[in-house]
Each structure stands twice: as structure tokens, then as C-alpha cells.
Protein backbone atom coordinates (compact mmCIF):
# COMPACT_ATOMS: atom_id res chain seq x y z
CA MET A 1 63.73 75.02 113.52
CA ASN A 2 60.41 75.56 111.72
CA SER A 3 60.30 78.30 109.12
CA GLY A 4 57.82 81.13 109.61
CA ILE A 5 57.36 84.70 110.76
CA GLU A 6 57.52 86.61 114.00
CA VAL A 7 55.08 89.54 113.86
CA PHE A 8 55.34 92.61 116.08
CA PHE A 9 52.89 95.52 116.20
CA THR A 10 53.79 99.13 116.89
CA LYS A 11 51.50 101.77 118.32
CA PRO A 12 49.48 103.55 115.61
CA ASN A 13 51.70 105.80 113.46
CA ALA A 14 54.65 105.17 115.83
CA PRO A 15 57.08 102.89 113.95
CA TRP A 16 59.74 102.83 116.69
CA SER A 17 57.38 101.78 119.48
CA ASN A 18 56.00 98.44 120.66
CA ASP A 19 52.30 98.04 121.33
CA GLU A 20 51.35 95.39 123.82
CA SER A 21 47.59 95.57 123.25
CA ASP A 22 45.53 92.41 122.91
CA PHE A 23 43.30 93.38 119.98
CA PHE A 24 45.62 92.72 117.04
CA ARG A 25 45.16 90.01 114.42
CA VAL A 26 47.56 88.93 111.67
CA ASN A 27 46.55 87.99 108.12
CA VAL A 28 48.98 86.13 105.86
CA TYR A 29 48.45 85.64 102.13
CA ASN A 30 50.32 83.47 99.63
CA PRO A 31 50.17 83.81 95.82
CA SER A 32 47.07 81.59 95.75
CA GLY A 33 45.13 83.54 98.39
CA SER A 34 44.66 83.26 102.13
CA GLU A 35 47.26 81.34 104.14
CA LYS A 36 46.39 82.32 107.73
CA ILE A 37 43.62 84.78 108.61
CA GLY A 38 42.86 86.36 111.97
CA VAL A 39 45.79 84.89 113.91
CA ALA A 40 45.67 86.38 117.42
CA ALA A 41 48.60 88.58 118.44
CA PRO A 42 48.31 88.88 122.22
CA ASN A 43 50.53 91.61 123.62
CA GLY A 44 51.14 92.82 120.05
CA TYR A 45 53.08 89.68 119.01
CA ALA A 46 52.41 86.51 117.00
CA SER A 47 54.63 83.62 115.95
CA ILE A 48 53.36 81.83 112.83
CA ASP A 49 54.85 78.71 111.27
CA LEU A 50 54.88 78.84 107.46
CA PRO A 51 56.53 76.86 104.70
CA PRO A 52 59.32 78.68 102.83
CA GLY A 53 58.01 81.24 100.36
CA ARG A 54 56.98 84.86 99.85
CA TYR A 55 54.01 86.15 101.82
CA LEU A 56 51.93 89.29 102.07
CA VAL A 57 51.30 90.18 105.73
CA THR A 58 48.71 92.61 107.08
CA GLY A 59 47.44 93.34 110.54
CA THR A 60 43.95 94.14 111.70
CA TYR A 61 43.28 96.36 114.65
CA GLY A 62 40.13 97.49 116.39
CA GLY A 63 40.24 101.05 117.64
CA ILE A 64 38.71 104.46 117.17
CA TYR A 65 40.66 106.68 114.76
CA VAL A 66 42.76 103.70 113.65
CA ASN A 67 42.34 101.95 110.29
CA PHE A 68 40.96 98.45 110.50
CA ASP A 69 43.71 97.14 108.20
CA SER A 70 47.39 98.02 108.30
CA ASN A 71 49.55 98.56 105.26
CA GLU A 72 50.79 95.43 103.54
CA THR A 73 54.30 94.03 104.03
CA LEU A 74 56.00 91.46 101.82
CA VAL A 75 58.24 88.97 103.56
CA ASN A 76 60.45 86.18 102.21
CA VAL A 77 60.73 83.10 104.41
CA GLY A 78 63.66 80.81 103.70
CA CYS A 79 64.12 77.14 104.59
CA GLY A 80 64.45 76.82 108.35
CA GLU A 81 64.34 80.63 108.76
CA ARG A 82 62.16 82.83 110.92
CA ALA A 83 61.60 86.29 109.46
CA CYS A 84 60.68 89.27 111.63
CA VAL A 85 57.83 91.50 110.45
CA THR A 86 56.81 94.77 112.05
CA VAL A 87 53.27 95.96 111.41
CA ILE A 88 52.52 99.67 111.82
CA PRO A 89 48.81 100.26 112.41
CA ARG A 90 47.88 103.46 110.61
CA SER A 91 45.45 106.02 111.88
CA LEU A 92 42.45 107.32 109.99
CA HIS A 93 44.52 110.47 109.47
CA PHE A 94 46.97 108.46 107.34
CA CYS A 95 44.25 107.47 104.86
CA VAL A 96 42.76 110.96 104.80
CA TRP A 97 46.23 112.40 104.24
CA TRP A 98 47.15 110.08 101.33
CA LEU A 99 43.76 110.42 99.65
CA TYR A 100 44.10 114.19 99.96
CA ALA A 101 47.59 113.97 98.35
CA ALA A 102 46.27 111.83 95.48
CA LEU A 103 43.37 114.19 94.83
CA GLU A 104 45.67 117.21 94.89
CA LEU A 105 47.83 115.51 92.27
CA ILE A 106 44.76 114.83 90.12
CA GLN A 107 43.64 118.44 90.52
CA ALA A 108 47.08 119.58 89.35
CA ARG A 109 47.07 117.09 86.44
CA PRO A 110 43.43 116.40 85.54
CA GLU A 111 44.44 114.47 82.42
CA LEU A 112 45.48 111.61 84.73
CA ALA A 113 41.89 110.92 85.81
CA PRO A 114 39.41 113.35 84.20
CA ALA A 115 36.28 111.91 85.86
CA VAL A 116 37.89 112.07 89.31
CA ALA A 117 39.31 115.55 88.67
CA LYS A 118 35.77 116.89 88.25
CA GLN A 119 34.97 115.87 91.84
CA ALA A 120 38.38 116.34 93.45
CA GLY A 121 37.79 119.89 94.70
CA GLU A 122 34.66 118.92 96.62
CA ALA A 123 36.35 115.80 98.02
CA VAL A 124 39.43 117.76 99.15
CA ALA A 125 37.18 120.22 101.01
CA VAL A 126 35.46 117.34 102.84
CA LEU A 127 38.79 115.69 103.66
CA LYS A 128 40.12 118.95 105.13
CA ARG A 129 37.12 119.08 107.48
CA ILE A 130 37.58 115.43 108.46
CA GLU A 131 41.29 115.97 109.08
CA LYS A 132 40.54 118.81 111.50
CA ALA A 133 38.14 116.54 113.43
CA ILE A 134 40.75 113.81 114.05
CA PRO A 135 42.56 114.23 117.40
CA ALA A 136 46.17 115.45 117.12
CA GLU A 137 47.67 112.27 118.60
CA TYR A 138 46.42 110.40 115.52
CA HIS A 139 47.93 112.82 113.01
CA MET A 140 50.70 111.94 110.59
CA LEU A 141 54.34 111.83 111.58
CA PRO A 142 56.26 115.03 110.70
CA PHE A 143 58.72 113.31 108.34
CA LEU A 144 55.82 111.86 106.33
CA GLN A 145 54.24 115.30 106.14
CA GLU A 146 57.57 116.56 104.76
CA GLY A 147 57.34 113.86 102.09
CA LEU A 148 53.90 115.10 101.06
CA ALA A 149 55.19 118.67 100.87
CA ALA A 150 58.02 117.50 98.57
CA LEU A 151 55.47 115.66 96.39
CA ARG A 152 53.34 118.79 96.15
CA ASP A 153 56.38 120.89 95.20
CA ASP A 154 57.40 118.39 92.54
CA GLN A 155 53.89 118.35 91.04
CA THR A 156 53.74 122.14 91.02
CA LYS A 157 57.05 122.30 89.11
CA ARG A 158 55.76 119.79 86.52
CA LYS A 159 52.71 121.91 85.68
């Protein structure tokens, strides 16, 4: 058996689903740079032969309200092994949400990034407007929103 990876895509922000769309691509990087770029994933699946090693895997996706690039996933491929990788395409809401969280943290602790803190209030206001414009089906999963709330609480206690 050849070593490599089996890549599966979920629906945006839906980690327990399977997406069978035809507009996914897989990008694989090794420590030296690009290994495989733009490998087609018809029906949300790709099988890629790779030599044993550690790889960074991302997915690209073309869709409105969905980020072009997925989050990164590290995978270790052993000799003669096939590793399964699940790629979760994130919506635009995900990026807005995490940027908003980072800026809130900087507002609460301006010493972390003084130059950014000066602009954080204006940026947060813009992000709030953008968030309201994104359709509800592309909003963040409730358990991730709970994580942000816990982060906010923790930062408030540290003040």
C-alpha cells in the first residue's frame, strides 16, 4: 500500500457533515514548501499519495460567505500508512468572529499591541456591522461562541 492521505471536506462550519460539492481543492505542504497544490477533490474527497512525513494540509473552496482557505491541519504519514484528514471550510463569519475576539482582547489589554489598540474600537464597530450582514446559516457554531464567551470572561477577570 502506498502511503498518503485521504482528505474529506465537511460543509462550511459543520464538522460532523460531509460535503459532496465539486469545488474543493487540497493543498499539501512539507517543511520545504509546497508538496501538492490545487489537487481536485470531486465530491468533497481526494486521495493523495505522499512519502512518509509530516504535512500541513489546507483546503480551498469557492463560495460566497465562505473563506477561500480552510484552517490548517497537521498530519503525520507513516510508512505504508494512509492518514485520514477532515477539512472544515470556515465561513466569513468565523474570521470576523476571531478577529473581533482578538481585538476585544487587545482593547482589554492595550499593552499587548499599543498601535493596534488605538484602532481596535473602530475596527470592532465595523466588524459588528459586517457580522450582522452575514446570513445566519453562515454564523458560528454555538459551542464555539461559548468558547469566545469564556475567553472574554477570563480576560475581564485578568484586568
